[in-house]
Amino acid sequence: MNSPGRRRPVPTHEELAAWRAYIETSEIVRARVEARLHEDSGLSGGDYRVLLALSEADGRAMRSSELAAHIEWERSRLSGHLGRMERRGLVRREPCAEDARGSRVVLTDSGDRAFHASTLPHLRAIKEVFVDALTPEQLDHLRDAAAAVRRHLRLADGT
């Protein structure tokens, strides 16, 4: 039994049902949006995240460690992914002037074109797969819920 001020150590049946609905649905939505991205542009979701981060960075370049932190990937995962993107001409790596041990990842002109060509179809897929399923009020509630979780986790943009 729980006293009035004491929280349960595990989720209730209803809380667990909400968790499962969120996880299962978000995985399906992400998979469908990423499948459309790949179908429309040949880019993976990972490619798009890297290209987006670099397109927004000063000089279209970031240190690889900074890029890994920005997209919340392990550096080893990023390194392998960058190798594949480099072979396709989307990015290039060059020595970092500030740190001989590190490297900078630079968005190539080809990568910039691929990113920009993929953006409109990607946004359409997000709208069709996700946004169109919800009312404006539901989107507001979802945004509020995501902000509450981000605040709870002490993440930036928890507002």
C-alpha atoms as a PDB file:
ATOM      1  CA  MET A   1       0.000   0.000   0.000  1.00  0.00           C
ATOM      2  CA  ASN A   2       1.101   3.514  -0.743  1.00  0.00           C
ATOM      3  CA  SER A   3       0.714   6.342   1.704  1.00  0.00           C
ATOM      4  CA  PRO A   4      -0.921   9.492   0.260  1.00  0.00           C
ATOM      5  CA  GLY A   5       2.405  11.330  -0.383  1.00  0.00           C
ATOM      6  CA  ARG A   6       4.308   8.297  -1.606  1.00  0.00           C
ATOM      7  CA  ARG A   7       4.670   7.437  -5.284  1.00  0.00           C
ATOM      8  CA  ARG A   8       4.332   3.932  -6.655  1.00  0.00           C
ATOM      9  CA  PRO A   9       7.695   2.399  -7.577  1.00  0.00           C
ATOM     10  CA  VAL A  10       6.302   1.040 -10.864  1.00  0.00           C
ATOM     11  CA  PRO A  11       3.759   2.331 -13.396  1.00  0.00           C
ATOM     12  CA  THR A  12       0.079   1.514 -12.999  1.00  0.00           C
ATOM     13  CA  HIS A  13      -1.617  -0.565 -15.672  1.00  0.00           C
ATOM     14  CA  GLU A  14      -3.000   2.630 -17.259  1.00  0.00           C
ATOM     15  CA  GLU A  15       0.412   4.380 -17.143  1.00  0.00           C
ATOM     16  CA  LEU A  16       2.080   1.368 -18.710  1.00  0.00           C
ATOM     17  CA  ALA A  17      -0.588   1.261 -21.425  1.00  0.00           C
ATOM     18  CA  ALA A  18       0.117   4.931 -22.212  1.00  0.00           C
ATOM     19  CA  TRP A  19       3.866   4.234 -22.323  1.00  0.00           C
ATOM     20  CA  ARG A  20       3.442   1.282 -24.681  1.00  0.00           C
ATOM     21  CA  ALA A  21       1.069   3.207 -26.942  1.00  0.00           C
ATOM     22  CA  TYR A  22       3.579   6.059 -27.131  1.00  0.00           C
ATOM     23  CA  ILE A  23       6.621   3.848 -27.809  1.00  0.00           C
ATOM     24  CA  GLU A  24       4.964   1.532 -30.311  1.00  0.00           C
ATOM     25  CA  THR A  25       3.272   4.336 -32.225  1.00  0.00           C
ATOM     26  CA  SER A  26       6.323   6.613 -32.297  1.00  0.00           C
ATOM     27  CA  GLU A  27       8.458   3.750 -33.643  1.00  0.00           C
ATOM     28  CA  ILE A  28       5.939   3.068 -36.419  1.00  0.00           C
ATOM     29  CA  VAL A  29       5.664   6.772 -37.306  1.00  0.00           C
ATOM     30  CA  ARG A  30       9.454   7.182 -37.367  1.00  0.00           C
ATOM     31  CA  ALA A  31       9.889   4.064 -39.518  1.00  0.00           C
ATOM     32  CA  ARG A  32       7.269   5.208 -42.028  1.00  0.00           C
ATOM     33  CA  VAL A  33       8.666   8.735 -42.277  1.00  0.00           C
ATOM     34  CA  GLU A  34      12.207   7.382 -42.689  1.00  0.00           C
ATOM     35  CA  ALA A  35      11.042   4.892 -45.330  1.00  0.00           C
ATOM     36  CA  ARG A  36       9.464   7.736 -47.276  1.00  0.00           C
ATOM     37  CA  LEU A  37      12.645   9.808 -46.895  1.00  0.00           C
ATOM     38  CA  HIS A  38      14.728   6.967 -48.304  1.00  0.00           C
ATOM     39  CA  GLU A  39      12.235   6.278 -51.095  1.00  0.00           C
ATOM     40  CA  ASP A  40      12.021   9.958 -52.083  1.00  0.00           C
ATOM     41  CA  SER A  41      15.701  10.927 -51.737  1.00  0.00           C
ATOM     42  CA  GLY A  42      17.911   7.902 -51.121  1.00  0.00           C
ATOM     43  CA  LEU A  43      18.866   9.377 -47.737  1.00  0.00           C
ATOM     44  CA  SER A  44      18.501   7.524 -44.465  1.00  0.00           C
ATOM     45  CA  GLY A  45      17.160   9.185 -41.347  1.00  0.00           C
ATOM     46  CA  GLY A  46      20.733   9.261 -40.038  1.00  0.00           C
ATOM     47  CA  ASP A  47      21.975  10.928 -43.218  1.00  0.00           C
ATOM     48  CA  TYR A  48      19.276  13.572 -42.859  1.00  0.00           C
ATOM     49  CA  ARG A  49      20.159  14.286 -39.209  1.00  0.00           C
ATOM     50  CA  VAL A  50      23.829  14.742 -40.077  1.00  0.00           C
ATOM     51  CA  LEU A  51      23.081  16.901 -43.119  1.00  0.00           C
ATOM     52  CA  LEU A  52      20.585  19.032 -41.177  1.00  0.00           C
ATOM     53  CA  ALA A  53      23.075  19.674 -38.370  1.00  0.00           C
ATOM     54  CA  LEU A  54      25.831  20.590 -40.814  1.00  0.00           C
ATOM     55  CA  SER A  55      23.547  22.799 -42.921  1.00  0.00           C
ATOM     56  CA  GLU A  56      22.744  24.831 -39.779  1.00  0.00           C
ATOM     57  CA  ALA A  57      26.356  25.013 -38.526  1.00  0.00           C
ATOM     58  CA  ASP A  58      28.663  27.974 -39.052  1.00  0.00           C
ATOM     59  CA  GLY A  59      30.585  27.378 -42.261  1.00  0.00           C
ATOM     60  CA  ARG A  60      28.587  24.166 -42.846  1.00  0.00           C
ATOM     61  CA  ALA A  61      31.114  22.322 -40.652  1.00  0.00           C
ATOM     62  CA  MET A  62      31.373  20.917 -37.117  1.00  0.00           C
ATOM     63  CA  ARG A  63      33.951  19.035 -35.111  1.00  0.00           C
ATOM     64  CA  SER A  64      33.001  15.383 -35.201  1.00  0.00           C
ATOM     65  CA  SER A  65      32.719  15.213 -31.392  1.00  0.00           C
ATOM     66  CA  GLU A  66      30.412  18.244 -31.413  1.00  0.00           C
ATOM     67  CA  LEU A  67      28.319  16.710 -34.208  1.00  0.00           C
ATOM     68  CA  ALA A  68      27.987  13.421 -32.292  1.00  0.00           C
ATOM     69  CA  ALA A  69      26.796  15.281 -29.196  1.00  0.00           C
ATOM     70  CA  HIS A  70      24.441  17.452 -31.241  1.00  0.00           C
ATOM     71  CA  ILE A  71      22.642  14.503 -32.843  1.00  0.00           C
ATOM     72  CA  GLU A  72      22.986  12.381 -29.665  1.00  0.00           C
ATOM     73  CA  TRP A  73      24.994   9.553 -31.218  1.00  0.00           C
ATOM     74  CA  GLU A  74      27.989   7.673 -29.898  1.00  0.00           C
ATOM     75  CA  ARG A  75      31.175   8.818 -31.620  1.00  0.00           C
ATOM     76  CA  SER A  76      31.865   5.308 -32.939  1.00  0.00           C
ATOM     77  CA  ARG A  77      28.421   5.146 -34.543  1.00  0.00           C
ATOM     78  CA  LEU A  78      28.933   8.561 -36.123  1.00  0.00           C
ATOM     79  CA  SER A  79      32.384   7.643 -37.406  1.00  0.00           C
ATOM     80  CA  GLY A  80      31.097   4.632 -39.327  1.00  0.00           C
ATOM     81  CA  HIS A  81      28.144   6.564 -40.668  1.00  0.00           C
ATOM     82  CA  LEU A  82      30.362   9.452 -41.798  1.00  0.00           C
ATOM     83  CA  GLY A  83      32.572   6.990 -43.670  1.00  0.00           C
ATOM     84  CA  ARG A  84      29.559   5.820 -45.679  1.00  0.00           C
ATOM     85  CA  MET A  85      28.417   9.404 -46.293  1.00  0.00           C
ATOM     86  CA  GLU A  86      31.944  10.399 -47.320  1.00  0.00           C
ATOM     87  CA  ARG A  87      32.076   7.600 -49.912  1.00  0.00           C
ATOM     88  CA  ARG A  88      28.836   8.990 -51.372  1.00  0.00           C
ATOM     89  CA  GLY A  89      30.307  12.510 -51.518  1.00  0.00           C
ATOM     90  CA  LEU A  90      27.837  14.027 -49.015  1.00  0.00           C
ATOM     91  CA  VAL A  91      30.440  15.090 -46.445  1.00  0.00           C
ATOM     92  CA  ARG A  92      34.202  15.223 -46.083  1.00  0.00           C
ATOM     93  CA  ARG A  93      36.381  15.011 -43.027  1.00  0.00           C
ATOM     94  CA  GLU A  94      39.413  17.187 -42.563  1.00  0.00           C
ATOM     95  CA  PRO A  95      41.898  17.707 -39.738  1.00  0.00           C
ATOM     96  CA  CYS A  96      40.764  20.065 -37.011  1.00  0.00           C
ATOM     97  CA  ALA A  97      43.042  23.115 -36.716  1.00  0.00           C
ATOM     98  CA  GLU A  98      42.285  23.519 -32.987  1.00  0.00           C
ATOM     99  CA  ASP A  99      42.893  19.878 -32.038  1.00  0.00           C
ATOM    100  CA  ALA A 100      45.239  17.586 -33.954  1.00  0.00           C
ATOM    101  CA  ARG A 101      43.415  14.534 -32.538  1.00  0.00           C
ATOM    102  CA  GLY A 102      40.013  15.623 -33.816  1.00  0.00           C
ATOM    103  CA  SER A 103      38.480  16.168 -37.210  1.00  0.00           C
ATOM    104  CA  ARG A 104      35.950  18.524 -38.716  1.00  0.00           C
ATOM    105  CA  VAL A 105      33.038  17.260 -40.744  1.00  0.00           C
ATOM    106  CA  VAL A 106      32.220  19.491 -43.700  1.00  0.00           C
ATOM    107  CA  LEU A 107      29.028  19.494 -45.746  1.00  0.00           C
ATOM    108  CA  THR A 108      29.964  19.187 -49.416  1.00  0.00           C
ATOM    109  CA  ASP A 109      28.109  20.952 -52.207  1.00  0.00           C
ATOM    110  CA  SER A 110      26.725  17.558 -53.215  1.00  0.00           C
ATOM    111  CA  GLY A 111      25.564  16.937 -49.631  1.00  0.00           C
ATOM    112  CA  ASP A 112      23.965  20.376 -49.516  1.00  0.00           C
ATOM    113  CA  ARG A 113      22.076  19.678 -52.764  1.00  0.00           C
ATOM    114  CA  ALA A 114      20.948  16.255 -51.511  1.00  0.00           C
ATOM    115  CA  PHE A 115      19.754  17.783 -48.227  1.00  0.00           C
ATOM    116  CA  HIS A 116      17.826  20.585 -49.902  1.00  0.00           C
ATOM    117  CA  ALA A 117      16.295  18.230 -52.478  1.00  0.00           C
ATOM    118  CA  SER A 118      15.087  15.930 -49.683  1.00  0.00           C
ATOM    119  CA  THR A 119      13.630  18.586 -47.405  1.00  0.00           C
ATOM    120  CA  LEU A 120      10.272  19.273 -49.084  1.00  0.00           C
ATOM    121  CA  PRO A 121       9.404  15.573 -49.631  1.00  0.00           C
ATOM    122  CA  HIS A 122      10.499  14.849 -46.037  1.00  0.00           C
ATOM    123  CA  LEU A 123       8.271  17.613 -44.667  1.00  0.00           C
ATOM    124  CA  ARG A 124       5.359  16.317 -46.760  1.00  0.00           C
ATOM    125  CA  ALA A 125       5.863  12.830 -45.307  1.00  0.00           C
ATOM    126  CA  ILE A 126       5.879  14.222 -41.747  1.00  0.00           C
ATOM    127  CA  LYS A 127       2.641  16.049 -42.460  1.00  0.00           C
ATOM    128  CA  GLU A 128       0.916  13.074 -44.097  1.00  0.00           C
ATOM    129  CA  VAL A 129       2.077  10.403 -41.649  1.00  0.00           C
ATOM    130  CA  PHE A 130       1.934  12.379 -38.395  1.00  0.00           C
ATOM    131  CA  VAL A 131       0.433  15.872 -38.467  1.00  0.00           C
ATOM    132  CA  ASP A 132      -2.653  15.005 -40.515  1.00  0.00           C
ATOM    133  CA  ALA A 133      -3.650  12.345 -37.951  1.00  0.00           C
ATOM    134  CA  LEU A 134      -4.073  14.950 -35.193  1.00  0.00           C
ATOM    135  CA  THR A 135      -6.240  17.977 -34.502  1.00  0.00           C
ATOM    136  CA  PRO A 136      -4.580  21.298 -33.682  1.00  0.00           C
ATOM    137  CA  GLU A 137      -5.602  20.780 -30.041  1.00  0.00           C
ATOM    138  CA  GLN A 138      -4.023  17.323 -29.963  1.00  0.00           C
ATOM    139  CA  LEU A 139      -0.817  18.756 -31.425  1.00  0.00           C
ATOM    140  CA  ASP A 140      -0.807  21.406 -28.667  1.00  0.00           C
ATOM    141  CA  HIS A 141      -1.282  18.714 -25.996  1.00  0.00           C
ATOM    142  CA  LEU A 142       1.443  16.576 -27.523  1.00  0.00           C
ATOM    143  CA  ARG A 143       3.845  19.538 -27.622  1.00  0.00           C
ATOM    144  CA  ASP A 144       3.021  20.315 -23.961  1.00  0.00           C
ATOM    145  CA  ALA A 145       3.574  16.695 -22.941  1.00  0.00           C
ATOM    146  CA  ALA A 146       6.921  16.546 -24.751  1.00  0.00           C
ATOM    147  CA  ALA A 147       7.988  19.795 -23.047  1.00  0.00           C
ATOM    148  CA  ALA A 148       7.032  18.369 -19.640  1.00  0.00           C
ATOM    149  CA  VAL A 149       9.143  15.253 -20.241  1.00  0.00           C
ATOM    150  CA  ARG A 150      12.085  17.388 -21.443  1.00  0.00           C
ATOM    151  CA  ARG A 151      11.821  19.554 -18.298  1.00  0.00           C
ATOM    152  CA  HIS A 152      11.676  16.429 -16.122  1.00  0.00           C
ATOM    153  CA  LEU A 153      14.826  15.152 -17.834  1.00  0.00           C
ATOM    154  CA  ARG A 154      16.438  18.594 -17.546  1.00  0.00           C
ATOM    155  CA  LEU A 155      16.870  18.867 -21.294  1.00  0.00           C
ATOM    156  CA  ALA A 156      17.093  22.104 -23.230  1.00  0.00           C
ATOM    157  CA  ASP A 157      13.932  23.446 -24.850  1.00  0.00           C
ATOM    158  CA  GLY A 158      11.660  22.056 -22.164  1.00  0.00           C
ATOM    159  CA  THR A 159       9.242  24.920 -22.696  1.00  0.00           C
END
